[in-house]
C-alpha atoms as a PDB file:
ATOM      1  CA  MET A   1      80.653 107.682 136.972  1.00  0.00           C
ATOM      2  CA  ASP A   2      77.901 109.363 134.955  1.00  0.00           C
ATOM      3  CA  GLU A   3      74.266 108.305 134.796  1.00  0.00           C
ATOM      4  CA  ALA A   4      74.742 106.213 131.657  1.00  0.00           C
ATOM      5  CA  GLY A   5      77.573 104.314 133.303  1.00  0.00           C
ATOM      6  CA  ARG A   6      75.490 103.582 136.386  1.00  0.00           C
ATOM      7  CA  ASP A   7      72.615 102.389 134.200  1.00  0.00           C
ATOM      8  CA  ALA A   8      74.946 100.064 132.310  1.00  0.00           C
ATOM      9  CA  ASP A   9      76.336  98.686 135.566  1.00  0.00           C
ATOM     10  CA  LEU A  10      72.837  98.147 136.923  1.00  0.00           C
ATOM     11  CA  ARG A  11      71.825  96.150 133.848  1.00  0.00           C
ATOM     12  CA  LEU A  12      74.968  94.069 134.273  1.00  0.00           C
ATOM     13  CA  LEU A  13      74.192  93.392 137.942  1.00  0.00           C
ATOM     14  CA  GLU A  14      70.630  92.349 137.171  1.00  0.00           C
ATOM     15  CA  LEU A  15      71.737  89.876 134.500  1.00  0.00           C
ATOM     16  CA  ALA A  16      74.465  88.510 136.758  1.00  0.00           C
ATOM     17  CA  ALA A  17      72.137  88.119 139.745  1.00  0.00           C
ATOM     18  CA  ARG A  18      69.505  86.241 137.738  1.00  0.00           C
ATOM     19  CA  GLN A  19      72.045  83.779 136.371  1.00  0.00           C
ATOM     20  CA  ALA A  20      73.629  83.388 139.794  1.00  0.00           C
ATOM     21  CA  GLY A  21      70.194  82.657 141.233  1.00  0.00           C
ATOM     22  CA  ASP A  22      69.668  79.905 138.659  1.00  0.00           C
ATOM     23  CA  ILE A  23      72.996  78.333 139.615  1.00  0.00           C
ATOM     24  CA  ALA A  24      72.086  78.433 143.307  1.00  0.00           C
ATOM     25  CA  LEU A  25      68.687  76.901 142.614  1.00  0.00           C
ATOM     26  CA  GLY A  26      70.445  73.971 140.959  1.00  0.00           C
ATOM     27  CA  PHE A  27      71.869  73.087 144.384  1.00  0.00           C
ATOM     28  CA  PHE A  28      68.803  74.056 146.430  1.00  0.00           C
ATOM     29  CA  GLY A  29      67.230  71.118 148.229  1.00  0.00           C
ATOM     30  CA  GLN A  30      69.961  68.792 146.926  1.00  0.00           C
ATOM     31  CA  ASP A  31      71.965  68.500 150.172  1.00  0.00           C
ATOM     32  CA  PRO A  32      75.081  70.270 148.837  1.00  0.00           C
ATOM     33  CA  GLU A  33      78.424  69.579 150.453  1.00  0.00           C
ATOM     34  CA  THR A  34      78.766  71.939 153.419  1.00  0.00           C
ATOM     35  CA  TRP A  35      81.475  72.912 155.886  1.00  0.00           C
ATOM     36  CA  TYR A  36      82.048  75.653 158.431  1.00  0.00           C
ATOM     37  CA  LYS A  37      84.351  78.648 158.486  1.00  0.00           C
ATOM     38  CA  GLY A  38      85.136  81.681 160.641  1.00  0.00           C
ATOM     39  CA  LYS A  39      87.049  82.051 163.873  1.00  0.00           C
ATOM     40  CA  ALA A  40      84.506  80.024 165.818  1.00  0.00           C
ATOM     41  CA  GLY A  41      83.786  77.621 162.984  1.00  0.00           C
ATOM     42  CA  MET A  42      80.113  78.552 163.130  1.00  0.00           C
ATOM     43  CA  SER A  43      79.460  80.077 159.707  1.00  0.00           C
ATOM     44  CA  PRO A  44      78.282  77.570 157.077  1.00  0.00           C
ATOM     45  CA  VAL A  45      79.496  77.616 153.491  1.00  0.00           C
ATOM     46  CA  SER A  46      78.484  75.171 150.797  1.00  0.00           C
ATOM     47  CA  GLU A  47      79.541  74.116 147.340  1.00  0.00           C
ATOM     48  CA  ALA A  48      76.632  76.232 146.104  1.00  0.00           C
ATOM     49  CA  ASP A  49      78.165  79.399 147.597  1.00  0.00           C
ATOM     50  CA  LEU A  50      81.448  78.674 145.846  1.00  0.00           C
ATOM     51  CA  ALA A  51      79.838  77.825 142.508  1.00  0.00           C
ATOM     52  CA  VAL A  52      77.908  81.099 142.522  1.00  0.00           C
ATOM     53  CA  ASP A  53      81.019  82.998 143.578  1.00  0.00           C
ATOM     54  CA  ARG A  54      83.055  81.522 140.717  1.00  0.00           C
ATOM     55  CA  PHE A  55      80.378  82.413 138.193  1.00  0.00           C
ATOM     56  CA  LEU A  56      80.011  85.985 139.430  1.00  0.00           C
ATOM     57  CA  ALA A  57      83.760  86.564 139.565  1.00  0.00           C
ATOM     58  CA  ASP A  58      84.165  85.412 135.980  1.00  0.00           C
ATOM     59  CA  TYR A  59      81.056  87.132 134.622  1.00  0.00           C
ATOM     60  CA  LEU A  60      81.479  90.497 136.321  1.00  0.00           C
ATOM     61  CA  ARG A  61      85.246  90.832 136.187  1.00  0.00           C
ATOM     62  CA  SER A  62      85.275  89.888 132.504  1.00  0.00           C
ATOM     63  CA  ALA A  63      82.737  92.633 131.826  1.00  0.00           C
ATOM     64  CA  ARG A  64      84.534  95.240 133.967  1.00  0.00           C
ATOM     65  CA  PRO A  65      88.218  94.245 134.215  1.00  0.00           C
ATOM     66  CA  ASP A  66      89.121  97.635 135.684  1.00  0.00           C
ATOM     67  CA  TYR A  67      86.868  97.113 138.740  1.00  0.00           C
ATOM     68  CA  GLY A  68      88.127  95.647 142.002  1.00  0.00           C
ATOM     69  CA  TRP A  69      86.564  92.616 143.686  1.00  0.00           C
ATOM     70  CA  LEU A  70      85.379  91.840 147.206  1.00  0.00           C
ATOM     71  CA  SER A  71      83.300  88.741 147.911  1.00  0.00           C
ATOM     72  CA  GLU A  72      82.504  86.796 151.053  1.00  0.00           C
ATOM     73  CA  GLU A  73      83.752  83.629 149.378  1.00  0.00           C
ATOM     74  CA  THR A  74      86.951  84.936 147.754  1.00  0.00           C
ATOM     75  CA  ALA A  75      90.198  85.442 149.672  1.00  0.00           C
ATOM     76  CA  ASP A  76      90.720  89.186 150.000  1.00  0.00           C
ATOM     77  CA  ASP A  77      94.152  90.361 148.859  1.00  0.00           C
ATOM     78  CA  ARG A  78      93.129  94.033 149.245  1.00  0.00           C
ATOM     79  CA  SER A  79      94.127  94.857 145.689  1.00  0.00           C
ATOM     80  CA  ARG A  80      90.574  96.265 145.519  1.00  0.00           C
ATOM     81  CA  LEU A  81      91.805  99.265 147.509  1.00  0.00           C
ATOM     82  CA  ASN A  82      93.682 100.432 144.428  1.00  0.00           C
ATOM     83  CA  HIS A  83      90.557 100.530 142.236  1.00  0.00           C
ATOM     84  CA  GLU A  84      88.195 103.446 141.732  1.00  0.00           C
ATOM     85  CA  ARG A  85      85.219 101.097 141.520  1.00  0.00           C
ATOM     86  CA  VAL A  86      84.694  97.734 143.184  1.00  0.00           C
ATOM     87  CA  PHE A  87      82.197  94.884 142.954  1.00  0.00           C
ATOM     88  CA  ILE A  88      81.063  93.871 146.439  1.00  0.00           C
ATOM     89  CA  VAL A  89      79.317  90.496 146.401  1.00  0.00           C
ATOM     90  CA  ASP A  90      77.582  88.023 148.662  1.00  0.00           C
ATOM     91  CA  PRO A  91      77.004  84.955 146.451  1.00  0.00           C
ATOM     92  CA  ILE A  92      74.351  83.567 148.810  1.00  0.00           C
ATOM     93  CA  ASP A  93      73.332  85.854 151.654  1.00  0.00           C
ATOM     94  CA  GLY A  94      71.509  83.668 154.142  1.00  0.00           C
ATOM     95  CA  THR A  95      73.332  80.378 153.611  1.00  0.00           C
ATOM     96  CA  ARG A  96      71.644  78.932 156.701  1.00  0.00           C
ATOM     97  CA  ALA A  97      68.239  79.623 155.151  1.00  0.00           C
ATOM     98  CA  PHE A  98      69.418  78.161 151.832  1.00  0.00           C
ATOM     99  CA  LEU A  99      70.604  74.941 153.455  1.00  0.00           C
ATOM    100  CA  ALA A 100      67.482  74.625 155.600  1.00  0.00           C
ATOM    101  CA  GLY A 101      65.131  74.969 152.634  1.00  0.00           C
ATOM    102  CA  GLY A 102      64.054  78.532 153.428  1.00  0.00           C
ATOM    103  CA  ASP A 103      63.034  80.934 150.707  1.00  0.00           C
ATOM    104  CA  GLU A 104      64.464  84.271 151.907  1.00  0.00           C
ATOM    105  CA  TRP A 105      68.124  83.820 150.866  1.00  0.00           C
ATOM    106  CA  THR A 106      69.448  86.249 148.280  1.00  0.00           C
ATOM    107  CA  VAL A 107      72.222  87.057 145.828  1.00  0.00           C
ATOM    108  CA  ALA A 108      73.527  90.528 146.696  1.00  0.00           C
ATOM    109  CA  ILE A 109      75.782  92.544 144.376  1.00  0.00           C
ATOM    110  CA  ALA A 110      76.851  96.190 144.451  1.00  0.00           C
ATOM    111  CA  VAL A 111      79.197  98.483 142.590  1.00  0.00           C
ATOM    112  CA  VAL A 112      80.923 100.775 145.062  1.00  0.00           C
ATOM    113  CA  GLU A 113      82.647 104.010 144.095  1.00  0.00           C
ATOM    114  CA  ALA A 114      84.470 106.296 146.535  1.00  0.00           C
ATOM    115  CA  GLY A 115      83.224 104.216 149.458  1.00  0.00           C
ATOM    116  CA  ARG A 116      79.518 104.257 148.619  1.00  0.00           C
ATOM    117  CA  PRO A 117      77.295 101.981 146.487  1.00  0.00           C
ATOM    118  CA  VAL A 118      76.201 103.446 143.151  1.00  0.00           C
ATOM    119  CA  ALA A 119      74.423 100.410 141.635  1.00  0.00           C
ATOM    120  CA  ALA A 120      72.892  97.441 143.422  1.00  0.00           C
ATOM    121  CA  SER A 121      70.957  94.240 142.959  1.00  0.00           C
ATOM    122  CA  VAL A 122      69.442  92.025 145.661  1.00  0.00           C
ATOM    123  CA  PHE A 123      67.770  88.990 144.089  1.00  0.00           C
ATOM    124  CA  CYS A 124      65.624  86.514 146.009  1.00  0.00           C
ATOM    125  CA  PRO A 125      65.282  83.573 143.587  1.00  0.00           C
ATOM    126  CA  ARG A 126      62.748  81.510 145.539  1.00  0.00           C
ATOM    127  CA  ARG A 127      60.382  84.496 145.814  1.00  0.00           C
ATOM    128  CA  ASP A 128      61.248  85.757 142.327  1.00  0.00           C
ATOM    129  CA  GLU A 129      61.959  89.237 143.687  1.00  0.00           C
ATOM    130  CA  MET A 130      64.534  91.416 141.962  1.00  0.00           C
ATOM    131  CA  PHE A 131      65.405  94.526 143.948  1.00  0.00           C
ATOM    132  CA  LEU A 132      67.429  97.099 141.990  1.00  0.00           C
ATOM    133  CA  ALA A 133      68.775 100.571 142.683  1.00  0.00           C
ATOM    134  CA  ARG A 134      71.219 103.078 141.295  1.00  0.00           C
ATOM    135  CA  THR A 135      72.300 106.429 142.672  1.00  0.00           C
ATOM    136  CA  GLY A 136      69.737 109.041 141.710  1.00  0.00           C
ATOM    137  CA  GLY A 137      67.558 106.507 139.910  1.00  0.00           C
ATOM    138  CA  GLY A 138      65.382 105.225 142.719  1.00  0.00           C
ATOM    139  CA  ALA A 139      64.860 101.718 144.070  1.00  0.00           C
ATOM    140  CA  TRP A 140      62.689  99.159 142.314  1.00  0.00           C
ATOM    141  CA  LEU A 141      61.179  95.715 142.881  1.00  0.00           C
ATOM    142  CA  ASN A 142      60.214  93.798 139.740  1.00  0.00           C
ATOM    143  CA  GLY A 143      59.698  97.103 137.937  1.00  0.00           C
ATOM    144  CA  ALA A 144      57.677  98.858 140.663  1.00  0.00           C
ATOM    145  CA  ARG A 145      59.114 101.922 142.419  1.00  0.00           C
ATOM    146  CA  LEU A 146      59.892 101.424 146.114  1.00  0.00           C
ATOM    147  CA  ALA A 147      59.402 103.786 149.044  1.00  0.00           C
ATOM    148  CA  VAL A 148      60.079 103.275 152.720  1.00  0.00           C
ATOM    149  CA  SER A 149      57.287 103.413 155.268  1.00  0.00           C
ATOM    150  CA  ASP A 150      55.684 106.769 156.023  1.00  0.00           C
ATOM    151  CA  ARG A 151      55.417 105.995 159.726  1.00  0.00           C
ATOM    152  CA  THR A 152      56.609 108.844 161.973  1.00  0.00           C
ATOM    153  CA  GLY A 153      56.220 107.385 165.487  1.00  0.00           C
ATOM    154  CA  LEU A 154      57.729 104.416 167.314  1.00  0.00           C
ATOM    155  CA  SER A 155      54.496 103.023 168.728  1.00  0.00           C
ATOM    156  CA  GLY A 156      53.471 100.128 166.530  1.00  0.00           C
ATOM    157  CA  ALA A 157      56.530 100.370 164.276  1.00  0.00           C
ATOM    158  CA  THR A 158      57.325  96.973 162.790  1.00  0.00           C
ATOM    159  CA  LEU A 159      60.878  95.726 163.272  1.00  0.00           C
ATOM    160  CA  THR A 160      62.960  93.141 161.459  1.00  0.00           C
ATOM    161  CA  GLY A 161      66.201  91.813 162.884  1.00  0.00           C
ATOM    162  CA  PRO A 162      67.722  88.821 164.634  1.00  0.00           C
ATOM    163  CA  HIS A 163      65.587  87.051 167.232  1.00  0.00           C
ATOM    164  CA  SER A 164      67.728  88.447 170.057  1.00  0.00           C
ATOM    165  CA  ILE A 165      66.601  91.959 169.089  1.00  0.00           C
ATOM    166  CA  VAL A 166      63.044  91.367 167.896  1.00  0.00           C
ATOM    167  CA  ALA A 167      62.071  89.324 170.973  1.00  0.00           C
ATOM    168  CA  ASN A 168      63.866  91.522 173.514  1.00  0.00           C
ATOM    169  CA  GLN A 169      61.404  92.634 176.211  1.00  0.00           C
ATOM    170  CA  ASP A 170      62.793  96.167 176.274  1.00  0.00           C
ATOM    171  CA  VAL A 171      62.420  96.430 172.501  1.00  0.00           C
ATOM    172  CA  VAL A 172      58.795  95.333 172.770  1.00  0.00           C
ATOM    173  CA  ALA A 173      58.243  97.765 175.653  1.00  0.00           C
ATOM    174  CA  ALA A 174      59.548 100.604 173.475  1.00  0.00           C
ATOM    175  CA  GLY A 175      56.588 100.026 171.152  1.00  0.00           C
ATOM    176  CA  PHE A 176      58.118  97.938 168.384  1.00  0.00           C
ATOM    177  CA  VAL A 177      56.224  95.057 166.811  1.00  0.00           C
ATOM    178  CA  GLY A 178      58.383  92.103 165.786  1.00  0.00           C
ATOM    179  CA  THR A 179      58.103  90.421 162.401  1.00  0.00           C
ATOM    180  CA  GLU A 180      59.207  87.058 161.026  1.00  0.00           C
ATOM    181  CA  ILE A 181      62.865  86.179 161.487  1.00  0.00           C
ATOM    182  CA  LEU A 182      64.659  86.453 158.139  1.00  0.00           C
ATOM    183  CA  ARG A 183      68.053  84.800 157.778  1.00  0.00           C
ATOM    184  CA  SER A 184      69.331  87.113 155.040  1.00  0.00           C
ATOM    185  CA  LEU A 185      70.425  90.534 156.264  1.00  0.00           C
ATOM    186  CA  ALA A 186      70.307  91.912 152.722  1.00  0.00           C
ATOM    187  CA  TYR A 187      66.692  90.770 152.439  1.00  0.00           C
ATOM    188  CA  ARG A 188      65.759  92.303 155.797  1.00  0.00           C
ATOM    189  CA  LEU A 189      67.026  95.661 154.600  1.00  0.00           C
ATOM    190  CA  ALA A 190      65.383  95.230 151.196  1.00  0.00           C
ATOM    191  CA  ILE A 191      61.949  94.850 152.764  1.00  0.00           C
ATOM    192  CA  VAL A 192      62.560  98.047 154.754  1.00  0.00           C
ATOM    193  CA  ALA A 193      63.251  99.735 151.403  1.00  0.00           C
ATOM    194  CA  ALA A 194      60.002  98.228 150.102  1.00  0.00           C
ATOM    195  CA  GLY A 195      58.019  99.683 153.016  1.00  0.00           C
ATOM    196  CA  ARG A 196      56.883  96.234 154.149  1.00  0.00           C
ATOM    197  CA  VAL A 197      58.592  96.733 157.511  1.00  0.00           C
ATOM    198  CA  ASP A 198      59.277 100.072 159.182  1.00  0.00           C
ATOM    199  CA  VAL A 199      62.662  99.419 160.796  1.00  0.00           C
ATOM    200  CA  GLY A 200      65.591  97.038 160.316  1.00  0.00           C
ATOM    201  CA  ALA A 201      68.254  96.417 162.955  1.00  0.00           C
ATOM    202  CA  ALA A 202      71.495  94.450 163.100  1.00  0.00           C
ATOM    203  CA  ARG A 203      74.001  93.843 165.854  1.00  0.00           C
ATOM    204  CA  GLY A 204      77.652  94.593 165.226  1.00  0.00           C
ATOM    205  CA  GLY A 205      79.563  92.266 162.935  1.00  0.00           C
ATOM    206  CA  PRO A 206      78.109  92.457 159.419  1.00  0.00           C
ATOM    207  CA  SER A 207      80.546  92.921 156.552  1.00  0.00           C
ATOM    208  CA  ASP A 208      80.555  94.985 153.369  1.00  0.00           C
ATOM    209  CA  TRP A 209      79.048  92.130 151.338  1.00  0.00           C
ATOM    210  CA  ASP A 210      76.085  91.841 153.708  1.00  0.00           C
ATOM    211  CA  LEU A 211      75.220  95.508 153.419  1.00  0.00           C
ATOM    212  CA  ALA A 212      76.429  97.425 150.368  1.00  0.00           C
ATOM    213  CA  ALA A 213      73.683  96.454 147.912  1.00  0.00           C
ATOM    214  CA  ALA A 214      70.825  96.756 150.404  1.00  0.00           C
ATOM    215  CA  ASP A 215      72.187 100.067 151.704  1.00  0.00           C
ATOM    216  CA  LEU A 216      71.598 101.648 148.305  1.00  0.00           C
ATOM    217  CA  LEU A 217      68.081 100.179 148.137  1.00  0.00           C
ATOM    218  CA  VAL A 218      67.193 101.823 151.444  1.00  0.00           C
ATOM    219  CA  GLN A 219      68.756 105.139 150.443  1.00  0.00           C
ATOM    220  CA  GLU A 220      67.067 105.312 147.054  1.00  0.00           C
ATOM    221  CA  ALA A 221      63.715 104.354 148.606  1.00  0.00           C
ATOM    222  CA  GLY A 222      63.920 107.425 150.838  1.00  0.00           C
ATOM    223  CA  GLY A 223      65.363 105.888 153.993  1.00  0.00           C
ATOM    224  CA  VAL A 224      68.717 105.745 155.706  1.00  0.00           C
ATOM    225  CA  LEU A 225      71.044 103.043 156.996  1.00  0.00           C
ATOM    226  CA  THR A 226      73.398 104.287 159.706  1.00  0.00           C
ATOM    227  CA  ASP A 227      75.429 103.156 162.668  1.00  0.00           C
ATOM    228  CA  LEU A 228      74.274 104.075 166.168  1.00  0.00           C
ATOM    229  CA  SER A 229      76.119 107.411 165.963  1.00  0.00           C
ATOM    230  CA  GLY A 230      74.181 108.392 162.849  1.00  0.00           C
ATOM    231  CA  ARG A 231      77.047 107.903 160.417  1.00  0.00           C
ATOM    232  CA  ASN A 232      76.570 106.520 156.924  1.00  0.00           C
ATOM    233  CA  LEU A 233      78.541 103.379 156.142  1.00  0.00           C
ATOM    234  CA  ILE A 234      81.748 103.529 154.120  1.00  0.00           C
ATOM    235  CA  TYR A 235      82.661 100.497 152.014  1.00  0.00           C
ATOM    236  CA  ASN A 236      85.823  99.122 150.462  1.00  0.00           C
ATOM    237  CA  ARG A 237      88.114  99.989 153.335  1.00  0.00           C
ATOM    238  CA  ALA A 238      90.910  97.777 154.615  1.00  0.00           C
ATOM    239  CA  LYS A 239      88.619  96.392 157.318  1.00  0.00           C
ATOM    240  CA  THR A 240      85.254  95.267 156.021  1.00  0.00           C
ATOM    241  CA  GLY A 241      83.346  94.860 159.300  1.00  0.00           C
ATOM    242  CA  HIS A 242      80.672  97.243 160.596  1.00  0.00           C
ATOM    243  CA  PRO A 243      79.111  98.042 163.976  1.00  0.00           C
ATOM    244  CA  ALA A 244      75.461  97.746 164.994  1.00  0.00           C
ATOM    245  CA  LEU A 245      73.124  99.315 162.430  1.00  0.00           C
ATOM    246  CA  ILE A 246      69.666 100.776 161.959  1.00  0.00           C
ATOM    247  CA  ALA A 247      67.670 101.153 158.734  1.00  0.00           C
ATOM    248  CA  ALA A 248      64.562 103.309 158.841  1.00  0.00           C
ATOM    249  CA  PRO A 249      62.668 106.173 157.214  1.00  0.00           C
ATOM    250  CA  VAL A 250      64.329 109.540 157.783  1.00  0.00           C
ATOM    251  CA  ALA A 251      61.587 110.644 160.201  1.00  0.00           C
ATOM    252  CA  LEU A 252      62.126 107.571 162.376  1.00  0.00           C
ATOM    253  CA  ILE A 253      65.882 107.102 162.350  1.00  0.00           C
ATOM    254  CA  GLY A 254      66.674 109.407 165.297  1.00  0.00           C
ATOM    255  CA  PRO A 255      63.988 108.056 167.648  1.00  0.00           C
ATOM    256  CA  VAL A 256      64.832 104.474 166.656  1.00  0.00           C
ATOM    257  CA  ARG A 257      68.530 104.951 167.395  1.00  0.00           C
ATOM    258  CA  ASP A 258      67.683 106.476 170.775  1.00  0.00           C
ATOM    259  CA  ALA A 259      65.362 103.600 171.624  1.00  0.00           C
ATOM    260  CA  LEU A 260      67.665 100.791 170.506  1.00  0.00           C
ATOM    261  CA  ASP A 261      71.125 102.209 171.238  1.00  0.00           C
ATOM    262  CA  ASP A 262      71.820 100.349 174.475  1.00  0.00           C
ATOM    263  CA  LEU A 263      69.955  97.240 173.373  1.00  0.00           C
ATOM    264  CA  ILE A 264      71.790  96.237 170.210  1.00  0.00           C
ATOM    265  CA  ARG A 265      75.398  97.331 170.743  1.00  0.00           C
END
């Protein structure tokens, strides 16, 4: 895809994310019908998630009928594997936060081509924060250019992640400073891209829809998101799960992986 095509896709994602955010806000604080899914029946999903998913599927697939589709809330028939480009969507990333009245949940949308994101939007409606990125075009928040932290040493580096990582005594002993617990993984990575936090970490288990959009934000802001072996993530494969991950500025990624390797696997 050329630059003009990526720009057009990015405009589409921004419009879609804003409208999706409005739909989600219509359910926010209204006690939407909720049930649980997953192998252990521990992952909440609500009527709001499904309403946003339906809107995005119709809006985006109508605009780009030749693109494949992968969403957390749509049954995956793997027909996406036959498409050159794919929408990868999390209608509400951070459903627990959404249902609990938190403000950090997001709508995360990416266009993936050849396994990597080329356009991305992460929208946080309650904070009115629109994070956007496209390959070669930088990462932006509400029109302002983003850059990851310029920190080069571990001592005092701020860390965002699940409580089990942030509060770990060995993590603290390594010099990291924990930050507030955010229940949207996409948002955690977005604030690394924004330079608000130095390092983001996740245990194994996140899926393409949790990561693809925020991955591009981090990359275009000058950072990297890798697994613990230093490999970039590849999206739109048959299996959508990923191992433990680190997001950080380039200068920090090696030391951070060394420090956290045995602690977050």
